């Protein structure tokens, strides 16, 4: 059970993020929900690469033993950078929408379309 705890945490954080995206009308809160989903993906990637008692893959003359997977760590760092850029872009879109319509509420913008 304790070995599956990170995966349970991933499921809970991802579920909270999806619920926030689907239930909130405020665009900023929707972006925050997307950030929660991105954090869940990062936690999932780190959990996949973890090895109990593993050696960090930074040694040139590594001692004998099982190493932690460096590929997953590199993917996680890349995902963090992409997530920050995506969040910044979405928040800038929210700012533009707020300037144009005077509201960051998705329901208000849907009513403007009709």
N, C-alpha and C. Protein backbone atom coordinates (compact mmCIF):
# COMPACT_ATOMS: atom_id res chain seq x y z
N UNK A 1 0.82 -1.20 0.00
CA UNK A 1 0.00 0.00 0.00
C UNK A 1 0.86 1.26 0.00
N UNK A 2 1.92 1.26 0.80
CA UNK A 2 2.77 2.45 0.89
C UNK A 2 3.53 2.67 -0.42
N UNK A 3 3.79 1.60 -1.18
CA UNK A 3 4.50 1.75 -2.44
C UNK A 3 3.61 2.43 -3.49
N UNK A 4 2.30 2.29 -3.34
CA UNK A 4 1.37 2.89 -4.30
C UNK A 4 0.93 4.30 -3.89
N UNK A 5 1.42 4.80 -2.78
CA UNK A 5 1.00 6.12 -2.29
C UNK A 5 1.28 7.25 -3.28
N UNK A 6 2.43 7.30 -3.95
CA UNK A 6 2.63 8.38 -4.93
C UNK A 6 1.62 8.33 -6.08
N UNK A 7 1.25 7.13 -6.49
CA UNK A 7 0.29 7.01 -7.59
C UNK A 7 -1.12 7.40 -7.14
N UNK A 8 -1.44 7.13 -5.89
CA UNK A 8 -2.72 7.58 -5.34
C UNK A 8 -2.74 9.10 -5.27
N UNK A 9 -1.62 9.69 -4.85
CA UNK A 9 -1.52 11.16 -4.80
C UNK A 9 -1.65 11.76 -6.20
N UNK A 10 -1.07 11.11 -7.20
CA UNK A 10 -1.19 11.58 -8.58
C UNK A 10 -2.66 11.59 -9.00
N UNK A 11 -3.37 10.51 -8.70
CA UNK A 11 -4.77 10.41 -9.08
C UNK A 11 -5.61 11.48 -8.38
N UNK A 12 -5.33 11.72 -7.10
CA UNK A 12 -6.10 12.72 -6.34
C UNK A 12 -5.84 14.12 -6.88
N UNK A 13 -4.58 14.47 -7.09
CA UNK A 13 -4.25 15.82 -7.58
C UNK A 13 -4.80 16.03 -8.99
N UNK A 14 -4.68 15.02 -9.85
CA UNK A 14 -5.21 15.14 -11.21
C UNK A 14 -6.73 15.27 -11.18
N UNK A 15 -7.38 14.51 -10.33
CA UNK A 15 -8.84 14.59 -10.23
C UNK A 15 -9.29 15.95 -9.72
N UNK A 16 -8.59 16.49 -8.74
CA UNK A 16 -8.92 17.84 -8.24
C UNK A 16 -8.75 18.87 -9.36
N UNK A 17 -7.67 18.76 -10.12
CA UNK A 17 -7.44 19.69 -11.22
C UNK A 17 -8.51 19.60 -12.30
N UNK A 18 -8.92 18.39 -12.64
CA UNK A 18 -9.96 18.21 -13.66
C UNK A 18 -11.30 18.74 -13.16
N UNK A 19 -11.60 18.49 -11.89
CA UNK A 19 -12.85 19.01 -11.32
C UNK A 19 -12.85 20.54 -11.33
N UNK A 20 -11.72 21.14 -10.98
CA UNK A 20 -11.63 22.61 -11.00
C UNK A 20 -11.83 23.14 -12.41
N UNK A 21 -11.23 22.50 -13.40
CA UNK A 21 -11.37 22.96 -14.78
C UNK A 21 -12.82 22.87 -15.23
N UNK A 22 -13.51 21.79 -14.87
CA UNK A 22 -14.86 21.57 -15.36
C UNK A 22 -15.94 22.33 -14.59
N UNK A 23 -15.69 22.67 -13.34
CA UNK A 23 -16.75 23.26 -12.53
C UNK A 23 -16.64 24.77 -12.33
N UNK A 24 -15.50 25.35 -12.51
CA UNK A 24 -15.32 26.78 -12.25
C UNK A 24 -15.57 27.59 -13.52
N UNK A 25 -16.10 28.78 -13.35
CA UNK A 25 -16.36 29.67 -14.47
C UNK A 25 -15.26 30.70 -14.66
N UNK A 26 -14.48 30.95 -13.61
CA UNK A 26 -13.42 31.96 -13.67
C UNK A 26 -12.23 31.38 -14.45
N UNK A 27 -11.76 32.13 -15.44
CA UNK A 27 -10.69 31.64 -16.29
C UNK A 27 -9.38 31.44 -15.53
N UNK A 28 -9.11 32.30 -14.55
CA UNK A 28 -7.88 32.16 -13.76
C UNK A 28 -7.92 30.84 -12.97
N UNK A 29 -9.08 30.52 -12.43
CA UNK A 29 -9.21 29.24 -11.70
C UNK A 29 -9.08 28.05 -12.63
N UNK A 30 -9.54 28.20 -13.86
CA UNK A 30 -9.36 27.13 -14.84
C UNK A 30 -7.88 26.90 -15.14
N UNK A 31 -7.14 27.99 -15.26
CA UNK A 31 -5.69 27.88 -15.50
C UNK A 31 -5.02 27.23 -14.29
N UNK A 32 -5.48 27.56 -13.08
CA UNK A 32 -4.93 26.93 -11.88
C UNK A 32 -5.24 25.44 -11.86
N UNK A 33 -6.41 25.04 -12.33
CA UNK A 33 -6.75 23.63 -12.43
C UNK A 33 -5.84 22.91 -13.41
N UNK A 34 -5.54 23.57 -14.53
CA UNK A 34 -4.62 22.98 -15.49
C UNK A 34 -3.23 22.83 -14.89
N UNK A 35 -2.82 23.78 -14.08
CA UNK A 35 -1.52 23.67 -13.41
C UNK A 35 -1.50 22.50 -12.43
N UNK A 36 -2.63 22.23 -11.79
CA UNK A 36 -2.70 21.06 -10.91
C UNK A 36 -2.55 19.76 -11.71
N UNK A 37 -3.17 19.71 -12.88
CA UNK A 37 -3.02 18.52 -13.72
C UNK A 37 -1.57 18.36 -14.17
N UNK A 38 -0.92 19.47 -14.51
CA UNK A 38 0.49 19.41 -14.90
C UNK A 38 1.36 18.93 -13.73
N UNK A 39 1.05 19.39 -12.52
CA UNK A 39 1.80 18.94 -11.35
C UNK A 39 1.60 17.44 -11.11
N UNK A 40 0.38 16.96 -11.37
CA UNK A 40 0.12 15.53 -11.23
C UNK A 40 0.94 14.72 -12.24
N UNK A 41 1.05 15.23 -13.45
CA UNK A 41 1.86 14.54 -14.46
C UNK A 41 3.33 14.52 -14.05
N UNK A 42 3.83 15.62 -13.51
CA UNK A 42 5.22 15.66 -13.05
C UNK A 42 5.44 14.67 -11.91
N UNK A 43 4.52 14.62 -10.97
CA UNK A 43 4.64 13.67 -9.87
C UNK A 43 4.59 12.24 -10.38
N UNK A 44 3.77 11.99 -11.39
CA UNK A 44 3.69 10.66 -11.97
C UNK A 44 5.01 10.27 -12.62
N UNK A 45 5.61 11.20 -13.36
CA UNK A 45 6.88 10.90 -14.02
C UNK A 45 7.98 10.63 -12.99
N UNK A 46 8.04 11.44 -11.95
CA UNK A 46 9.05 11.23 -10.92
C UNK A 46 8.82 9.90 -10.20
N UNK A 47 7.56 9.56 -9.96
CA UNK A 47 7.24 8.29 -9.30
C UNK A 47 7.64 7.10 -10.15
N UNK A 48 7.51 7.23 -11.47
CA UNK A 48 7.91 6.13 -12.35
C UNK A 48 9.42 5.91 -12.33
N UNK A 49 10.18 6.98 -12.22
CA UNK A 49 11.63 6.86 -12.28
C UNK A 49 12.29 6.52 -10.96
N UNK A 50 11.53 6.52 -9.86
CA UNK A 50 12.11 6.27 -8.54
C UNK A 50 12.47 4.80 -8.37
N UNK A 51 13.62 4.56 -7.80
CA UNK A 51 14.06 3.21 -7.45
C UNK A 51 14.47 3.22 -5.99
N UNK A 52 13.91 2.33 -5.21
CA UNK A 52 14.22 2.27 -3.78
C UNK A 52 15.69 1.89 -3.59
N UNK A 53 16.43 2.75 -2.93
CA UNK A 53 17.86 2.51 -2.73
C UNK A 53 18.69 2.79 -3.97
N UNK A 54 18.11 3.47 -4.93
CA UNK A 54 18.81 3.75 -6.19
C UNK A 54 19.89 4.80 -6.02
N UNK A 55 20.83 4.78 -6.92
CA UNK A 55 21.96 5.70 -6.90
C UNK A 55 21.67 6.82 -7.89
N UNK A 56 21.98 8.04 -7.51
CA UNK A 56 21.79 9.18 -8.40
C UNK A 56 22.68 9.04 -9.63
N UNK A 57 22.15 9.32 -10.83
CA UNK A 57 22.93 9.11 -12.06
C UNK A 57 23.87 10.28 -12.37
N UNK A 58 24.55 10.80 -11.34
CA UNK A 58 25.44 11.93 -11.57
C UNK A 58 26.90 11.56 -11.38
N UNK A 59 27.16 10.34 -10.99
CA UNK A 59 28.53 9.92 -10.74
C UNK A 59 29.20 9.49 -12.03
N UNK A 60 30.50 9.79 -12.15
CA UNK A 60 31.24 9.28 -13.31
C UNK A 60 31.71 7.85 -13.04
N UNK A 61 32.09 7.60 -11.81
CA UNK A 61 32.45 6.22 -11.41
C UNK A 61 31.41 5.76 -10.39
N UNK A 62 30.27 5.36 -10.89
CA UNK A 62 29.15 5.00 -10.01
C UNK A 62 29.44 3.68 -9.30
N UNK A 63 29.08 3.59 -8.02
CA UNK A 63 29.21 2.31 -7.33
C UNK A 63 28.20 1.31 -7.89
N UNK A 64 28.45 0.07 -7.62
CA UNK A 64 27.56 -0.99 -8.12
C UNK A 64 26.20 -0.85 -7.45
N UNK A 65 25.17 -1.04 -8.23
CA UNK A 65 23.81 -0.96 -7.71
C UNK A 65 22.87 -0.41 -8.76
N UNK A 66 21.63 -0.40 -8.39
CA UNK A 66 20.60 0.07 -9.32
C UNK A 66 20.55 1.60 -9.32
N UNK A 67 20.50 2.19 -10.51
CA UNK A 67 20.45 3.64 -10.64
C UNK A 67 19.03 4.11 -10.86
N UNK A 68 18.80 5.33 -10.43
CA UNK A 68 17.53 5.99 -10.70
C UNK A 68 17.52 6.35 -12.18
N UNK A 69 16.34 6.29 -12.81
CA UNK A 69 16.25 6.54 -14.25
C UNK A 69 16.44 8.03 -14.57
N UNK A 70 17.50 8.41 -15.27
CA UNK A 70 17.72 9.83 -15.58
C UNK A 70 16.82 10.35 -16.69
N UNK A 71 16.30 9.48 -17.54
CA UNK A 71 15.44 9.91 -18.63
C UNK A 71 14.16 10.55 -18.10
N UNK A 72 13.60 9.94 -17.08
CA UNK A 72 12.36 10.46 -16.50
C UNK A 72 12.60 11.81 -15.84
N UNK A 73 13.76 11.98 -15.22
CA UNK A 73 14.08 13.26 -14.61
C UNK A 73 14.22 14.35 -15.67
N UNK A 74 14.84 14.02 -16.78
CA UNK A 74 14.98 15.00 -17.87
C UNK A 74 13.61 15.35 -18.46
N UNK A 75 12.74 14.36 -18.60
CA UNK A 75 11.40 14.63 -19.10
C UNK A 75 10.61 15.51 -18.14
N UNK A 76 10.80 15.29 -16.85
CA UNK A 76 10.09 16.10 -15.86
C UNK A 76 10.57 17.55 -15.91
N UNK A 77 11.86 17.77 -16.02
CA UNK A 77 12.37 19.14 -16.14
C UNK A 77 11.85 19.83 -17.40
N UNK A 78 11.81 19.09 -18.49
CA UNK A 78 11.26 19.64 -19.72
C UNK A 78 9.78 19.98 -19.55
N UNK A 79 9.05 19.09 -18.88
CA UNK A 79 7.63 19.32 -18.65
C UNK A 79 7.39 20.54 -17.76
N UNK A 80 8.26 20.76 -16.79
CA UNK A 80 8.13 21.94 -15.93
C UNK A 80 8.30 23.22 -16.75
N UNK A 81 9.29 23.25 -17.61
CA UNK A 81 9.53 24.44 -18.44
C UNK A 81 8.36 24.67 -19.39
N UNK A 82 7.87 23.62 -20.02
CA UNK A 82 6.73 23.76 -20.92
C UNK A 82 5.49 24.20 -20.15
N UNK A 83 5.30 23.67 -18.94
CA UNK A 83 4.16 24.04 -18.12
C UNK A 83 4.18 25.50 -17.72
N UNK A 84 5.35 26.00 -17.38
CA UNK A 84 5.47 27.42 -17.02
C UNK A 84 5.15 28.30 -18.22
N UNK A 85 5.67 27.93 -19.38
CA UNK A 85 5.40 28.72 -20.58
C UNK A 85 3.92 28.67 -20.94
N UNK A 86 3.30 27.51 -20.84
CA UNK A 86 1.87 27.38 -21.14
C UNK A 86 1.03 28.19 -20.17
N UNK A 87 1.37 28.13 -18.89
CA UNK A 87 0.62 28.88 -17.88
C UNK A 87 0.77 30.39 -18.11
N UNK A 88 1.96 30.83 -18.43
CA UNK A 88 2.17 32.27 -18.70
C UNK A 88 1.37 32.71 -19.92
N UNK A 89 1.35 31.89 -20.96
CA UNK A 89 0.60 32.23 -22.16
C UNK A 89 -0.90 32.27 -21.87
N UNK A 90 -1.42 31.29 -21.15
CA UNK A 90 -2.84 31.27 -20.82
C UNK A 90 -3.23 32.46 -19.94
N UNK A 91 -2.37 32.79 -18.97
CA UNK A 91 -2.68 33.95 -18.12
C UNK A 91 -2.64 35.26 -18.90
N UNK A 92 -1.76 35.34 -19.89
CA UNK A 92 -1.76 36.55 -20.72
C UNK A 92 -3.03 36.62 -21.57
N UNK A 93 -3.52 35.47 -22.04
CA UNK A 93 -4.81 35.45 -22.75
C UNK A 93 -5.95 35.89 -21.83
N UNK A 94 -5.91 35.43 -20.58
CA UNK A 94 -6.94 35.83 -19.63
C UNK A 94 -6.89 37.34 -19.40
N UNK A 95 -5.70 37.90 -19.32
CA UNK A 95 -5.58 39.36 -19.16
C UNK A 95 -6.17 40.09 -20.37
N UNK A 96 -5.90 39.61 -21.57
CA UNK A 96 -6.46 40.24 -22.77
C UNK A 96 -7.98 40.13 -22.80
N UNK A 97 -8.50 38.98 -22.40
CA UNK A 97 -9.95 38.79 -22.36
C UNK A 97 -10.56 39.73 -21.32
N UNK A 98 -9.90 39.87 -20.18
CA UNK A 98 -10.42 40.76 -19.14
C UNK A 98 -10.42 42.21 -19.61
N UNK A 99 -9.36 42.61 -20.32
CA UNK A 99 -9.31 43.98 -20.83
C UNK A 99 -10.41 44.25 -21.86
N UNK A 100 -10.69 43.24 -22.69
CA UNK A 100 -11.67 43.44 -23.76
C UNK A 100 -13.10 43.38 -23.23
N UNK A 101 -13.41 42.39 -22.36
CA UNK A 101 -14.78 42.17 -21.93
C UNK A 101 -15.07 42.67 -20.51
N UNK A 102 -14.04 43.02 -19.76
CA UNK A 102 -14.25 43.49 -18.40
C UNK A 102 -14.58 42.40 -17.40
N UNK A 103 -14.37 41.16 -17.78
CA UNK A 103 -14.67 40.04 -16.89
C UNK A 103 -13.81 38.85 -17.28
N UNK A 104 -13.45 38.05 -16.27
CA UNK A 104 -12.72 36.81 -16.53
C UNK A 104 -13.63 35.61 -16.33
N UNK A 105 -14.93 35.83 -16.39
CA UNK A 105 -15.91 34.78 -16.20
C UNK A 105 -16.28 34.18 -17.55
N UNK A 106 -16.15 32.87 -17.67
CA UNK A 106 -16.44 32.21 -18.94
C UNK A 106 -17.92 32.31 -19.29
N UNK A 107 -18.80 32.32 -18.28
CA UNK A 107 -20.23 32.44 -18.54
C UNK A 107 -20.60 33.76 -19.17
N UNK A 108 -19.94 34.83 -18.76
CA UNK A 108 -20.21 36.15 -19.34
C UNK A 108 -19.83 36.15 -20.81
N UNK A 109 -18.71 35.56 -21.16
CA UNK A 109 -18.28 35.54 -22.55
C UNK A 109 -19.17 34.65 -23.41
N UNK A 110 -19.71 33.60 -22.84
CA UNK A 110 -20.65 32.75 -23.59
C UNK A 110 -21.92 33.54 -23.91
N UNK A 111 -22.39 34.36 -22.97
CA UNK A 111 -23.59 35.15 -23.20
C UNK A 111 -23.34 36.23 -24.24
N UNK A 112 -22.11 36.72 -24.35
CA UNK A 112 -21.79 37.73 -25.36
C UNK A 112 -21.86 37.16 -26.77
N UNK A 113 -21.60 35.86 -26.89
CA UNK A 113 -21.59 35.21 -28.21
C UNK A 113 -23.00 35.12 -28.79
N UNK A 114 -24.00 34.96 -27.94
CA UNK A 114 -25.38 34.76 -28.41
C UNK A 114 -26.00 35.97 -29.02
